[in-house]
Amino acid sequence: MRLPETPYVGHLAQFLSITVWSSGLIVQKSLTGVANPASILMLQFVGAAVILWVGLALRGQLPRLNKRALVSFCWGTMAPGMVLAFGLFGAARTDGVSVSLIWGLVPLLGPVLARIVLKEPLPWTFVAGGFISFAGLLIITANRESIGASDMTGNVLVFIGVLFAAGSHVVGRFLNRGAVPWYQTATLQVTGAAFATSCLTVWTGFRLDVASEPGAFWSLSYLVLIMTVVNFLAFNLALSRIQAAWVSLYVSLAPAIGTFASVILLGTVVRPVDIVAIAVIMSGVAMPHIARLFARKFRTAKS
């Protein structure tokens, strides 16, 4: 699984990751009418974990079961395990556009959590971008709730899942530096998610009626093969190749990609005010990361 060490591989991997992830959130929502969220997630992650472990076994690249492997496994129980558990339970109550917009806040929340928990410096651009994005988010979610398209309880659940996702990015950058290959980290992460969602399914019960929804089988196949296997391999590859600012900047595309998928897959009606809100949120999210990249280039050129 050796790939060229060029950063362009990392950029392509992260763009692929955020595209299939944002689209997958909408595919998940499309199945909530025929299955409960826990059942969807269990099938998604158990199926993907089996594929990843078989792939590593066939190549003779199974990870060592040590303390670092345990950390990767536990990381997976939180992200994507608890991330998507809260996110999908919330998505079942609200609309696809709101889900996509809330997920677009991940790149801003990561540095804020790092400031609160780790006392890391927080540039003013993140604060300014946060105010811009949250203002746009509040306007659009309140507006969509007033027309019956959005549900505030569902939005809060999705936001909790997004908080878990933002916190996991710091862990992900740590785990993808060192001796453990990125594809082994991805496998252990998905395995942790499979364990967490299996426990959740035991608690809530299993419900799935694929026969009642045309295309449900293909939707599940997308969630297993593309949103999980391809996405987590690509995401961990990106974390190992490019700067965190670039990883976060690509995530700012999530509102546009997710909204487009919601229109195509769910028939969601998007009005001009929605498009304006998407642009506002994306600009607020992208601003601090663009500023950071330009500042780094300026320092490099000056030295």
C-alpha atoms as a PDB file:
ATOM      1  CA  MET A   1       0.000   0.000   0.000  1.00  0.00           C
ATOM      2  CA  ARG A   2       2.872   2.362  -0.685  1.00  0.00           C
ATOM      3  CA  LEU A   3       1.784   5.607  -2.298  1.00  0.00           C
ATOM      4  CA  PRO A   4       3.895   8.537  -3.534  1.00  0.00           C
ATOM      5  CA  GLU A   5       5.042  10.801  -0.675  1.00  0.00           C
ATOM      6  CA  THR A   6       3.895  13.942  -2.500  1.00  0.00           C
ATOM      7  CA  PRO A   7       1.421  16.187  -0.621  1.00  0.00           C
ATOM      8  CA  TYR A   8      -0.860  16.173  -3.662  1.00  0.00           C
ATOM      9  CA  VAL A   9      -1.852  12.635  -2.693  1.00  0.00           C
ATOM     10  CA  GLY A  10      -2.982  13.985   0.670  1.00  0.00           C
ATOM     11  CA  HIS A  11      -4.982  16.797  -0.925  1.00  0.00           C
ATOM     12  CA  LEU A  12      -6.755  14.411  -3.281  1.00  0.00           C
ATOM     13  CA  ALA A  13      -7.402  11.979  -0.428  1.00  0.00           C
ATOM     14  CA  GLN A  14      -8.992  14.651   1.773  1.00  0.00           C
ATOM     15  CA  PHE A  15     -11.151  16.001  -1.053  1.00  0.00           C
ATOM     16  CA  LEU A  16     -12.350  12.455  -1.755  1.00  0.00           C
ATOM     17  CA  SER A  17     -12.950  11.883   1.959  1.00  0.00           C
ATOM     18  CA  ILE A  18     -15.091  14.967   2.531  1.00  0.00           C
ATOM     19  CA  THR A  19     -17.075  14.339  -0.674  1.00  0.00           C
ATOM     20  CA  VAL A  20     -18.056  10.760   0.140  1.00  0.00           C
ATOM     21  CA  TRP A  21     -18.567  11.610   3.843  1.00  0.00           C
ATOM     22  CA  SER A  22     -20.927  14.546   3.190  1.00  0.00           C
ATOM     23  CA  SER A  23     -22.886  12.547   0.621  1.00  0.00           C
ATOM     24  CA  GLY A  24     -22.980   9.559   2.973  1.00  0.00           C
ATOM     25  CA  LEU A  25     -24.679  11.605   5.698  1.00  0.00           C
ATOM     26  CA  ILE A  26     -27.586  12.164   3.316  1.00  0.00           C
ATOM     27  CA  VAL A  27     -27.618   8.504   2.220  1.00  0.00           C
ATOM     28  CA  GLN A  28     -27.858   7.531   5.901  1.00  0.00           C
ATOM     29  CA  LYS A  29     -30.794   9.884   6.377  1.00  0.00           C
ATOM     30  CA  SER A  30     -32.559   8.351   3.360  1.00  0.00           C
ATOM     31  CA  LEU A  31     -32.617   4.986   5.184  1.00  0.00           C
ATOM     32  CA  THR A  32     -34.106   6.212   8.473  1.00  0.00           C
ATOM     33  CA  GLY A  33     -37.599   5.420   7.196  1.00  0.00           C
ATOM     34  CA  VAL A  34     -36.866   1.688   6.902  1.00  0.00           C
ATOM     35  CA  ALA A  35     -34.360   1.203   9.750  1.00  0.00           C
ATOM     36  CA  ASN A  36     -33.503   2.723  13.097  1.00  0.00           C
ATOM     37  CA  PRO A  37     -30.216   4.687  13.251  1.00  0.00           C
ATOM     38  CA  ALA A  38     -28.379   2.115  15.387  1.00  0.00           C
ATOM     39  CA  SER A  39     -29.111  -0.697  12.928  1.00  0.00           C
ATOM     40  CA  ILE A  40     -27.882   1.382   9.980  1.00  0.00           C
ATOM     41  CA  LEU A  41     -24.634   2.245  11.740  1.00  0.00           C
ATOM     42  CA  MET A  42     -24.019  -1.312  12.971  1.00  0.00           C
ATOM     43  CA  LEU A  43     -24.374  -2.782   9.473  1.00  0.00           C
ATOM     44  CA  GLN A  44     -22.235   0.006   8.040  1.00  0.00           C
ATOM     45  CA  PHE A  45     -19.306  -0.371  10.417  1.00  0.00           C
ATOM     46  CA  VAL A  46     -19.359  -4.123  10.981  1.00  0.00           C
ATOM     47  CA  GLY A  47     -19.383  -4.691   7.208  1.00  0.00           C
ATOM     48  CA  ALA A  48     -16.554  -2.206   6.673  1.00  0.00           C
ATOM     49  CA  ALA A  49     -14.476  -3.624   9.546  1.00  0.00           C
ATOM     50  CA  VAL A  50     -14.702  -7.130   8.069  1.00  0.00           C
ATOM     51  CA  ILE A  51     -13.541  -5.855   4.666  1.00  0.00           C
ATOM     52  CA  LEU A  52     -10.615  -3.907   6.148  1.00  0.00           C
ATOM     53  CA  TRP A  53      -9.416  -6.770   8.383  1.00  0.00           C
ATOM     54  CA  VAL A  54      -9.626  -9.288   5.533  1.00  0.00           C
ATOM     55  CA  GLY A  55      -7.690  -6.880   3.302  1.00  0.00           C
ATOM     56  CA  LEU A  56      -4.899  -6.490   5.875  1.00  0.00           C
ATOM     57  CA  ALA A  57      -4.794 -10.238   6.538  1.00  0.00           C
ATOM     58  CA  LEU A  58      -4.449 -11.066   2.847  1.00  0.00           C
ATOM     59  CA  ARG A  59      -1.536  -8.632   2.578  1.00  0.00           C
ATOM     60  CA  GLY A  60       0.093  -9.853   5.785  1.00  0.00           C
ATOM     61  CA  GLN A  61      -0.161  -6.369   7.333  1.00  0.00           C
ATOM     62  CA  LEU A  62      -2.223  -6.986  10.468  1.00  0.00           C
ATOM     63  CA  PRO A  63      -1.539  -4.369  13.182  1.00  0.00           C
ATOM     64  CA  ARG A  64       0.189  -5.243  16.432  1.00  0.00           C
ATOM     65  CA  LEU A  65      -2.262  -5.445  19.321  1.00  0.00           C
ATOM     66  CA  ASN A  66      -0.547  -3.028  21.679  1.00  0.00           C
ATOM     67  CA  LYS A  67      -1.385   0.126  23.637  1.00  0.00           C
ATOM     68  CA  ARG A  68      -1.368   2.281  20.507  1.00  0.00           C
ATOM     69  CA  ALA A  69      -3.802  -0.099  18.803  1.00  0.00           C
ATOM     70  CA  LEU A  70      -6.096   0.160  21.848  1.00  0.00           C
ATOM     71  CA  VAL A  71      -6.010   3.954  21.607  1.00  0.00           C
ATOM     72  CA  SER A  72      -6.990   3.763  17.924  1.00  0.00           C
ATOM     73  CA  PHE A  73      -9.818   1.366  18.788  1.00  0.00           C
ATOM     74  CA  CYS A  74     -11.094   3.666  21.543  1.00  0.00           C
ATOM     75  CA  TRP A  75     -10.827   6.637  19.180  1.00  0.00           C
ATOM     76  CA  GLY A  76     -13.104   4.772  16.792  1.00  0.00           C
ATOM     77  CA  THR A  77     -15.765   4.251  19.468  1.00  0.00           C
ATOM     78  CA  MET A  78     -15.933   8.030  19.789  1.00  0.00           C
ATOM     79  CA  ALA A  79     -15.317   8.986  16.154  1.00  0.00           C
ATOM     80  CA  PRO A  80     -17.034   7.825  14.073  1.00  0.00           C
ATOM     81  CA  GLY A  81     -18.979   5.680  16.599  1.00  0.00           C
ATOM     82  CA  MET A  82     -20.591   8.267  18.868  1.00  0.00           C
ATOM     83  CA  VAL A  83     -20.198  10.996  16.239  1.00  0.00           C
ATOM     84  CA  LEU A  84     -22.557   9.283  13.818  1.00  0.00           C
ATOM     85  CA  ALA A  85     -24.802   7.881  16.556  1.00  0.00           C
ATOM     86  CA  PHE A  86     -25.771  11.379  17.683  1.00  0.00           C
ATOM     87  CA  GLY A  87     -25.622  12.674  14.120  1.00  0.00           C
ATOM     88  CA  LEU A  88     -27.943  10.059  12.642  1.00  0.00           C
ATOM     89  CA  PHE A  89     -30.454  10.131  15.515  1.00  0.00           C
ATOM     90  CA  GLY A  90     -30.574  13.897  14.976  1.00  0.00           C
ATOM     91  CA  ALA A  91     -30.753  13.599  11.184  1.00  0.00           C
ATOM     92  CA  ALA A  92     -33.806  11.359  11.519  1.00  0.00           C
ATOM     93  CA  ARG A  93     -35.640  14.336  13.084  1.00  0.00           C
ATOM     94  CA  THR A  94     -34.450  17.202  10.891  1.00  0.00           C
ATOM     95  CA  ASP A  95     -33.774  17.964   7.215  1.00  0.00           C
ATOM     96  CA  GLY A  96     -30.752  17.303   5.033  1.00  0.00           C
ATOM     97  CA  VAL A  97     -29.819  20.954   4.524  1.00  0.00           C
ATOM     98  CA  SER A  98     -29.641  21.618   8.281  1.00  0.00           C
ATOM     99  CA  VAL A  99     -27.544  18.474   8.764  1.00  0.00           C
ATOM    100  CA  SER A 100     -25.081  19.581   6.077  1.00  0.00           C
ATOM    101  CA  LEU A 101     -24.762  23.105   7.439  1.00  0.00           C
ATOM    102  CA  ILE A 102     -24.134  21.985  11.017  1.00  0.00           C
ATOM    103  CA  TRP A 103     -21.460  19.522   9.877  1.00  0.00           C
ATOM    104  CA  GLY A 104     -19.699  22.395   8.152  1.00  0.00           C
ATOM    105  CA  LEU A 105     -18.761  23.831  11.578  1.00  0.00           C
ATOM    106  CA  VAL A 106     -16.260  21.051  12.373  1.00  0.00           C
ATOM    107  CA  PRO A 107     -13.140  23.002  11.251  1.00  0.00           C
ATOM    108  CA  LEU A 108     -14.002  25.900  13.573  1.00  0.00           C
ATOM    109  CA  LEU A 109     -14.913  23.852  16.631  1.00  0.00           C
ATOM    110  CA  GLY A 110     -11.654  21.851  16.674  1.00  0.00           C
ATOM    111  CA  PRO A 111      -9.401  24.825  17.498  1.00  0.00           C
ATOM    112  CA  VAL A 112     -11.945  26.160  20.001  1.00  0.00           C
ATOM    113  CA  LEU A 113     -11.987  22.824  21.868  1.00  0.00           C
ATOM    114  CA  ALA A 114      -8.179  22.719  21.756  1.00  0.00           C
ATOM    115  CA  ARG A 115      -8.152  26.150  23.392  1.00  0.00           C
ATOM    116  CA  ILE A 116     -10.583  25.102  26.130  1.00  0.00           C
ATOM    117  CA  VAL A 117      -9.084  21.682  26.878  1.00  0.00           C
ATOM    118  CA  LEU A 118      -5.402  22.036  25.958  1.00  0.00           C
ATOM    119  CA  LYS A 119      -4.996  25.826  26.392  1.00  0.00           C
ATOM    120  CA  GLU A 120      -3.653  26.103  22.857  1.00  0.00           C
ATOM    121  CA  PRO A 121      -3.600  29.587  21.289  1.00  0.00           C
ATOM    122  CA  LEU A 122      -6.726  30.576  19.382  1.00  0.00           C
ATOM    123  CA  PRO A 123      -6.118  33.098  16.561  1.00  0.00           C
ATOM    124  CA  TRP A 124      -8.636  35.931  16.250  1.00  0.00           C
ATOM    125  CA  THR A 125      -9.558  34.721  12.761  1.00  0.00           C
ATOM    126  CA  PHE A 126     -11.205  31.637  14.276  1.00  0.00           C
ATOM    127  CA  VAL A 127     -13.297  33.808  16.580  1.00  0.00           C
ATOM    128  CA  ALA A 128     -14.343  36.085  13.697  1.00  0.00           C
ATOM    129  CA  GLY A 129     -15.067  33.136  11.407  1.00  0.00           C
ATOM    130  CA  GLY A 130     -17.037  31.473  14.182  1.00  0.00           C
ATOM    131  CA  PHE A 131     -19.315  34.486  14.645  1.00  0.00           C
ATOM    132  CA  ILE A 132     -19.935  34.668  10.888  1.00  0.00           C
ATOM    133  CA  SER A 133     -20.699  30.952  10.545  1.00  0.00           C
ATOM    134  CA  PHE A 134     -22.870  30.666  13.638  1.00  0.00           C
ATOM    135  CA  ALA A 135     -24.860  33.733  12.606  1.00  0.00           C
ATOM    136  CA  GLY A 136     -25.544  32.158   9.234  1.00  0.00           C
ATOM    137  CA  LEU A 137     -26.397  28.824  10.845  1.00  0.00           C
ATOM    138  CA  LEU A 138     -28.849  30.359  13.347  1.00  0.00           C
ATOM    139  CA  ILE A 139     -30.606  32.315  10.625  1.00  0.00           C
ATOM    140  CA  ILE A 140     -31.035  29.364   8.290  1.00  0.00           C
ATOM    141  CA  THR A 141     -32.044  26.775  10.911  1.00  0.00           C
ATOM    142  CA  ALA A 142     -34.562  29.163  12.489  1.00  0.00           C
ATOM    143  CA  ASN A 143     -35.962  29.982   9.062  1.00  0.00           C
ATOM    144  CA  ARG A 144     -36.244  26.320   8.035  1.00  0.00           C
ATOM    145  CA  GLU A 145     -37.843  25.459  11.384  1.00  0.00           C
ATOM    146  CA  SER A 146     -40.474  28.169  10.837  1.00  0.00           C
ATOM    147  CA  ILE A 147     -41.572  26.491   7.585  1.00  0.00           C
ATOM    148  CA  GLY A 148     -41.567  23.025   9.165  1.00  0.00           C
ATOM    149  CA  ALA A 149     -38.483  21.772   7.296  1.00  0.00           C
ATOM    150  CA  SER A 150     -36.171  21.597  10.313  1.00  0.00           C
ATOM    151  CA  ASP A 151     -36.416  20.412  13.924  1.00  0.00           C
ATOM    152  CA  MET A 152     -34.378  22.091  16.674  1.00  0.00           C
ATOM    153  CA  THR A 153     -34.073  18.946  18.809  1.00  0.00           C
ATOM    154  CA  GLY A 154     -32.682  17.081  15.825  1.00  0.00           C
ATOM    155  CA  ASN A 155     -30.304  19.957  15.113  1.00  0.00           C
ATOM    156  CA  VAL A 156     -28.986  19.854  18.694  1.00  0.00           C
ATOM    157  CA  LEU A 157     -28.325  16.110  18.455  1.00  0.00           C
ATOM    158  CA  VAL A 158     -26.447  16.611  15.183  1.00  0.00           C
ATOM    159  CA  PHE A 159     -24.446  19.424  16.802  1.00  0.00           C
ATOM    160  CA  ILE A 160     -23.418  17.119  19.684  1.00  0.00           C
ATOM    161  CA  GLY A 161     -22.161  14.634  17.114  1.00  0.00           C
ATOM    162  CA  VAL A 162     -20.219  17.438  15.420  1.00  0.00           C
ATOM    163  CA  LEU A 163     -18.604  18.347  18.761  1.00  0.00           C
ATOM    164  CA  PHE A 164     -17.384  14.740  19.085  1.00  0.00           C
ATOM    165  CA  ALA A 165     -16.020  14.924  15.539  1.00  0.00           C
ATOM    166  CA  ALA A 166     -14.152  18.176  16.201  1.00  0.00           C
ATOM    167  CA  GLY A 167     -12.553  16.739  19.337  1.00  0.00           C
ATOM    168  CA  SER A 168     -11.434  13.631  17.493  1.00  0.00           C
ATOM    169  CA  HIS A 169      -9.359  15.536  14.928  1.00  0.00           C
ATOM    170  CA  VAL A 170      -6.583  16.241  17.440  1.00  0.00           C
ATOM    171  CA  VAL A 171      -6.442  12.546  18.316  1.00  0.00           C
ATOM    172  CA  GLY A 172      -6.376  11.658  14.639  1.00  0.00           C
ATOM    173  CA  ARG A 173      -3.375  13.892  13.919  1.00  0.00           C
ATOM    174  CA  PHE A 174      -1.489  12.300  16.823  1.00  0.00           C
ATOM    175  CA  LEU A 175      -2.256   8.719  15.769  1.00  0.00           C
ATOM    176  CA  ASN A 176      -1.205   9.320  12.175  1.00  0.00           C
ATOM    177  CA  ARG A 177       2.312  10.390  13.157  1.00  0.00           C
ATOM    178  CA  GLY A 178       4.677   7.578  13.932  1.00  0.00           C
ATOM    179  CA  ALA A 179       5.234   3.923  13.206  1.00  0.00           C
ATOM    180  CA  VAL A 180       1.639   2.742  12.694  1.00  0.00           C
ATOM    181  CA  PRO A 181       0.620   2.944   9.005  1.00  0.00           C
ATOM    182  CA  TRP A 182      -2.429   5.028   8.206  1.00  0.00           C
ATOM    183  CA  TYR A 183      -4.370   2.037   6.816  1.00  0.00           C
ATOM    184  CA  GLN A 184      -3.946   0.099  10.086  1.00  0.00           C
ATOM    185  CA  THR A 185      -5.139   3.134  12.053  1.00  0.00           C
ATOM    186  CA  ALA A 186      -8.214   3.353   9.792  1.00  0.00           C
ATOM    187  CA  THR A 187      -8.989  -0.345  10.357  1.00  0.00           C
ATOM    188  CA  LEU A 188      -8.740  -0.063  14.143  1.00  0.00           C
ATOM    189  CA  GLN A 189     -10.826   3.110  14.108  1.00  0.00           C
ATOM    190  CA  VAL A 190     -13.640   1.492  12.109  1.00  0.00           C
ATOM    191  CA  THR A 191     -13.478  -1.568  14.388  1.00  0.00           C
ATOM    192  CA  GLY A 192     -14.020   0.635  17.425  1.00  0.00           C
ATOM    193  CA  ALA A 193     -17.026   2.202  15.720  1.00  0.00           C
ATOM    194  CA  ALA A 194     -18.392  -1.274  14.895  1.00  0.00           C
ATOM    195  CA  PHE A 195     -18.160  -2.247  18.570  1.00  0.00           C
ATOM    196  CA  ALA A 196     -19.834   0.950  19.799  1.00  0.00           C
ATOM    197  CA  THR A 197     -22.720   0.795  17.308  1.00  0.00           C
ATOM    198  CA  SER A 198     -23.248  -2.935  17.958  1.00  0.00           C
ATOM    199  CA  CYS A 199     -23.689  -2.160  21.665  1.00  0.00           C
ATOM    200  CA  LEU A 200     -26.085   0.640  20.748  1.00  0.00           C
ATOM    201  CA  THR A 201     -28.116  -1.746  18.569  1.00  0.00           C
ATOM    202  CA  VAL A 202     -28.377  -4.280  21.414  1.00  0.00           C
ATOM    203  CA  TRP A 203     -29.760  -1.472  23.582  1.00  0.00           C
ATOM    204  CA  THR A 204     -32.230   0.030  21.078  1.00  0.00           C
ATOM    205  CA  GLY A 205     -33.125  -3.123  19.132  1.00  0.00           C
ATOM    206  CA  PHE A 206     -32.531  -4.067  15.509  1.00  0.00           C
ATOM    207  CA  ARG A 207     -34.959  -2.820  12.839  1.00  0.00           C
ATOM    208  CA  LEU A 208     -34.376  -3.034   9.105  1.00  0.00           C
ATOM    209  CA  ASP A 209     -36.846  -3.499   6.251  1.00  0.00           C
ATOM    210  CA  VAL A 210     -34.800  -3.248   3.069  1.00  0.00           C
ATOM    211  CA  ALA A 211     -37.571  -4.750   0.904  1.00  0.00           C
ATOM    212  CA  SER A 212     -39.895  -1.798   1.531  1.00  0.00           C
ATOM    213  CA  GLU A 213     -37.495   0.797   0.102  1.00  0.00           C
ATOM    214  CA  PRO A 214     -36.289   0.538  -3.508  1.00  0.00           C
ATOM    215  CA  GLY A 215     -32.557   1.069  -3.650  1.00  0.00           C
ATOM    216  CA  ALA A 216     -32.011   0.452   0.078  1.00  0.00           C
ATOM    217  CA  PHE A 217     -29.539  -2.346  -0.630  1.00  0.00           C
ATOM    218  CA  TRP A 218     -27.423  -0.051  -2.809  1.00  0.00           C
ATOM    219  CA  SER A 219     -27.584   2.675  -0.179  1.00  0.00           C
ATOM    220  CA  LEU A 220     -26.245   0.266   2.447  1.00  0.00           C
ATOM    221  CA  SER A 221     -23.538  -0.846   0.026  1.00  0.00           C
ATOM    222  CA  TYR A 222     -22.505   2.792  -0.436  1.00  0.00           C
ATOM    223  CA  LEU A 223     -22.334   3.314   3.331  1.00  0.00           C
ATOM    224  CA  VAL A 224     -20.146   0.231   3.847  1.00  0.00           C
ATOM    225  CA  LEU A 225     -17.822   0.407   0.841  1.00  0.00           C
ATOM    226  CA  ILE A 226     -17.608   4.113   0.070  1.00  0.00           C
ATOM    227  CA  MET A 227     -18.552   6.190   3.123  1.00  0.00           C
ATOM    228  CA  THR A 228     -16.657   3.909   5.500  1.00  0.00           C
ATOM    229  CA  VAL A 229     -13.932   1.850   3.782  1.00  0.00           C
ATOM    230  CA  VAL A 230     -12.916   4.424   1.152  1.00  0.00           C
ATOM    231  CA  ASN A 231     -13.548   7.448   3.379  1.00  0.00           C
ATOM    232  CA  PHE A 232     -11.552   6.347   6.419  1.00  0.00           C
ATOM    233  CA  LEU A 233      -8.643   5.089   4.359  1.00  0.00           C
ATOM    234  CA  ALA A 234      -8.586   8.426   2.503  1.00  0.00           C
ATOM    235  CA  PHE A 235      -9.038  10.498   5.687  1.00  0.00           C
ATOM    236  CA  ASN A 236      -6.203   8.785   7.570  1.00  0.00           C
ATOM    237  CA  LEU A 237      -3.984   9.026   4.485  1.00  0.00           C
ATOM    238  CA  ALA A 238      -4.682  12.770   4.286  1.00  0.00           C
ATOM    239  CA  LEU A 239      -3.890  13.272   7.992  1.00  0.00           C
ATOM    240  CA  SER A 240      -0.527  11.586   7.448  1.00  0.00           C
ATOM    241  CA  ARG A 241       0.424  13.708   4.397  1.00  0.00           C
ATOM    242  CA  ILE A 242      -0.851  17.284   4.665  1.00  0.00           C
ATOM    243  CA  GLN A 243      -1.112  20.072   7.231  1.00  0.00           C
ATOM    244  CA  ALA A 244      -4.084  20.157   9.585  1.00  0.00           C
ATOM    245  CA  ALA A 245      -5.111  23.554   8.172  1.00  0.00           C
ATOM    246  CA  TRP A 246      -5.599  21.986   4.737  1.00  0.00           C
ATOM    247  CA  VAL A 247      -7.584  19.079   6.195  1.00  0.00           C
ATOM    248  CA  SER A 248      -9.909  21.538   7.941  1.00  0.00           C
ATOM    249  CA  LEU A 249     -10.179  23.807   4.914  1.00  0.00           C
ATOM    250  CA  TYR A 250     -11.514  20.971   2.762  1.00  0.00           C
ATOM    251  CA  VAL A 251     -14.129  20.218   5.439  1.00  0.00           C
ATOM    252  CA  SER A 252     -15.546  23.697   4.825  1.00  0.00           C
ATOM    253  CA  LEU A 253     -16.905  22.308   1.552  1.00  0.00           C
ATOM    254  CA  ALA A 254     -19.269  20.008   3.490  1.00  0.00           C
ATOM    255  CA  PRO A 255     -22.328  22.343   3.495  1.00  0.00           C
ATOM    256  CA  ALA A 256     -22.295  22.712  -0.297  1.00  0.00           C
ATOM    257  CA  ILE A 257     -21.625  19.020  -1.003  1.00  0.00           C
ATOM    258  CA  GLY A 258     -24.189  17.827   1.544  1.00  0.00           C
ATOM    259  CA  THR A 259     -26.875  20.231   0.331  1.00  0.00           C
ATOM    260  CA  PHE A 260     -26.330  19.147  -3.267  1.00  0.00           C
ATOM    261  CA  ALA A 261     -26.639  15.492  -2.199  1.00  0.00           C
ATOM    262  CA  SER A 262     -29.802  16.324  -0.237  1.00  0.00           C
ATOM    263  CA  VAL A 263     -31.387  17.876  -3.330  1.00  0.00           C
ATOM    264  CA  ILE A 264     -30.445  14.900  -5.526  1.00  0.00           C
ATOM    265  CA  LEU A 265     -31.229  12.059  -3.096  1.00  0.00           C
ATOM    266  CA  LEU A 266     -34.051  13.463  -0.951  1.00  0.00           C
ATOM    267  CA  GLY A 267     -35.618  16.033  -3.262  1.00  0.00           C
ATOM    268  CA  THR A 268     -35.002  18.797  -0.724  1.00  0.00           C
ATOM    269  CA  VAL A 269     -36.171  22.227  -1.875  1.00  0.00           C
ATOM    270  CA  VAL A 270     -33.389  24.812  -1.617  1.00  0.00           C
ATOM    271  CA  ARG A 271     -34.394  28.475  -1.786  1.00  0.00           C
ATOM    272  CA  PRO A 272     -32.213  31.554  -2.470  1.00  0.00           C
ATOM    273  CA  VAL A 273     -31.976  32.312   1.268  1.00  0.00           C
ATOM    274  CA  ASP A 274     -30.564  28.815   1.823  1.00  0.00           C
ATOM    275  CA  ILE A 275     -27.876  29.384  -0.811  1.00  0.00           C
ATOM    276  CA  VAL A 276     -26.907  32.702   0.806  1.00  0.00           C
ATOM    277  CA  ALA A 277     -26.666  31.030   4.222  1.00  0.00           C
ATOM    278  CA  ILE A 278     -24.493  28.239   2.791  1.00  0.00           C
ATOM    279  CA  ALA A 279     -22.127  30.832   1.308  1.00  0.00           C
ATOM    280  CA  VAL A 280     -21.963  32.753   4.624  1.00  0.00           C
ATOM    281  CA  ILE A 281     -21.212  29.621   6.650  1.00  0.00           C
ATOM    282  CA  MET A 282     -18.591  28.361   4.196  1.00  0.00           C
ATOM    283  CA  SER A 283     -16.831  31.749   4.128  1.00  0.00           C
ATOM    284  CA  GLY A 284     -16.738  31.925   7.928  1.00  0.00           C
ATOM    285  CA  VAL A 285     -15.377  28.388   8.219  1.00  0.00           C
ATOM    286  CA  ALA A 286     -12.774  28.803   5.484  1.00  0.00           C
ATOM    287  CA  MET A 287     -11.503  32.265   6.516  1.00  0.00           C
ATOM    288  CA  PRO A 288      -9.196  31.302   9.436  1.00  0.00           C
ATOM    289  CA  HIS A 289      -7.703  28.347   7.583  1.00  0.00           C
ATOM    290  CA  ILE A 290      -6.978  30.425   4.467  1.00  0.00           C
ATOM    291  CA  ALA A 291      -5.416  33.109   6.718  1.00  0.00           C
ATOM    292  CA  ARG A 292      -3.238  30.472   8.406  1.00  0.00           C
ATOM    293  CA  LEU A 293      -2.013  29.067   5.082  1.00  0.00           C
ATOM    294  CA  PHE A 294      -1.174  32.538   3.726  1.00  0.00           C
ATOM    295  CA  ALA A 295       0.619  33.469   6.962  1.00  0.00           C
ATOM    296  CA  ARG A 296       2.733  30.315   6.757  1.00  0.00           C
ATOM    297  CA  LYS A 297       3.654  31.015   3.124  1.00  0.00           C
ATOM    298  CA  PHE A 298       4.568  34.613   4.024  1.00  0.00           C
ATOM    299  CA  ARG A 299       6.853  33.482   6.848  1.00  0.00           C
ATOM    300  CA  THR A 300       8.494  30.920   4.559  1.00  0.00           C
ATOM    301  CA  ALA A 301       9.091  33.481   1.805  1.00  0.00           C
ATOM    302  CA  LYS A 302      10.463  36.019   4.307  1.00  0.00           C
ATOM    303  CA  SER A 303      12.940  33.548   5.761  1.00  0.00           C
END
